[in-house]
Amino acid sequence: MNFLFAWRYFKSKKSTNAINIIAWVTVAAMAVGTAAIVIVLSIFNGFEDLVKSLYSSFYPDIRISASQQKVMLLDSATIRKISLLKDVEAISMIVEENVHLQNGDYRTNAVVMGVDDAFSKVSGVAQKVDHGKYETGTAETPALVLGSGIESALSLLSDRAVTPVTAYLPKKGAEATANPLDAISTINLQPSGSFSIQQDFDNKYVITNIDVIKEMLGYKPAEFTSAAIKLKDPSSEKAVILQLKQLLGNNYLVENRYQQNRSLFAVMQMEKWAIYGILCLILIIAAFNMIGALTMLVLEKEQDIQILQAMGAGKQFVRKIFLTEGVLLAFAGTIIGIILALIFCYLQVTFKLIPLQGSFIIDYYPVQISIIDILLVIATVFVIALLASWIPSVKAARRSISLRAQ
């Protein structure tokens, strides 16, 4: 019943034109605030999906490493047990180490990844090679795949014949000697191609054959720095991680893709919700207009209130009418705002209305609409509307107007 009264007040023309104006200003402000929040959250979702796709091209679904030290022991029998797990598609063994690279007068530092043949199955690096080809070679003739930033630093052209790159690596467990060079292994690696994924990877990593790196570092056959796993079905991630922890024990760290980049995703989420909180101020400002509109409506509907009271309506019923009226104002603005946001997002994806300045992997702001974000915005508007409507509705319920013959 209170909804019917509120709906009648909402759609009827008020006797005082200022009330109509304030009411529609409230709806417009709610619409603008709702649209702004949905659009900004969608843009953050778009960037998050983009970053995840870039990082998923390099990082595997699951990574195994030692929990307390750099090198882990993983014998062939354990590796085979892991590969035979129901939801494991492939496993690749990796050895990582800092390396100094030299090409004539050009020098740079990098991180070299010694990988086996299965690495192309667990990682998308092979699909991101834009010069030359993905080829790590063999133990006898090792090849080098470089990040595009490292390639530029060494002044290489990987799509044609070039001279080998000299790699300097520290020997594992090398004792201090009078000649520091005795603790360093040196090898020539033939560049085969370069990949371009994201600046963090392009300027840091080079990839070569694992047997060469293990020999240079003096690693034993069962010694590795990590293992990368590709899943048949990403939804089985939790089950596989649990199986791996049971199989390997507490001395190993098993991480999914999010945990491998925990700090990055945490910062992205913090930025997203900080912006959400700031944009909610727009809705709070709109709520002040709502308080004014409802207060004036209460004054206008004094006669209605006294009639309802004379008919036996209690204070709670009167209060609910004006609370519902506030929710209707906010709901109208919310629906309009969501429609505007959806239209904008569609136009942005289709026509790329707002370009992205600077050199980036894409030239426009990406958007990704999330139904969870929309529901969150609706809930936020509902709470703000209730709080803003509370004061006018309580005043309406407390009004004591006596009926007198005119």
Foldseek 3Di string as FASTA:
>chain_A
DLLVLLVCLQPDDFPDVVLVVLLVVLLQLLLVLLLVLQQLLQLLVFVVVLVVVLLQQAAFQKKKFFPPDQKDFDDPVNLVVLCPPPFFDDKKFKAKFKKWKADPPFIDIAIEIAIAPCNVVRHNQQVQWDAFGDDQDDLVAGAKEAQQQVCVSNVHRQNDFDFWMKMKGAAAPDDDDPDPCVRIFIDTHGYGTYGYRDPVRSNHYMYHHNVNVCVRRVHDPRMGRMMHTHTNDSVCSVVSQVVVCVSPDDRMDMDGSCVVVVVVVVVSVVVSVVVSVVSVVSLLVSLVSLLVSLLVVLVSCVVVLQVCVVVPDALVSQLSSQLSSLLVSSVSSNVSNVVVSVVVLVCCVVVVPAFDDDDDPGTHRHGHRDPVSSVVSSVSSSVSSNVSSNVSSNVSSPDDDDDDDD
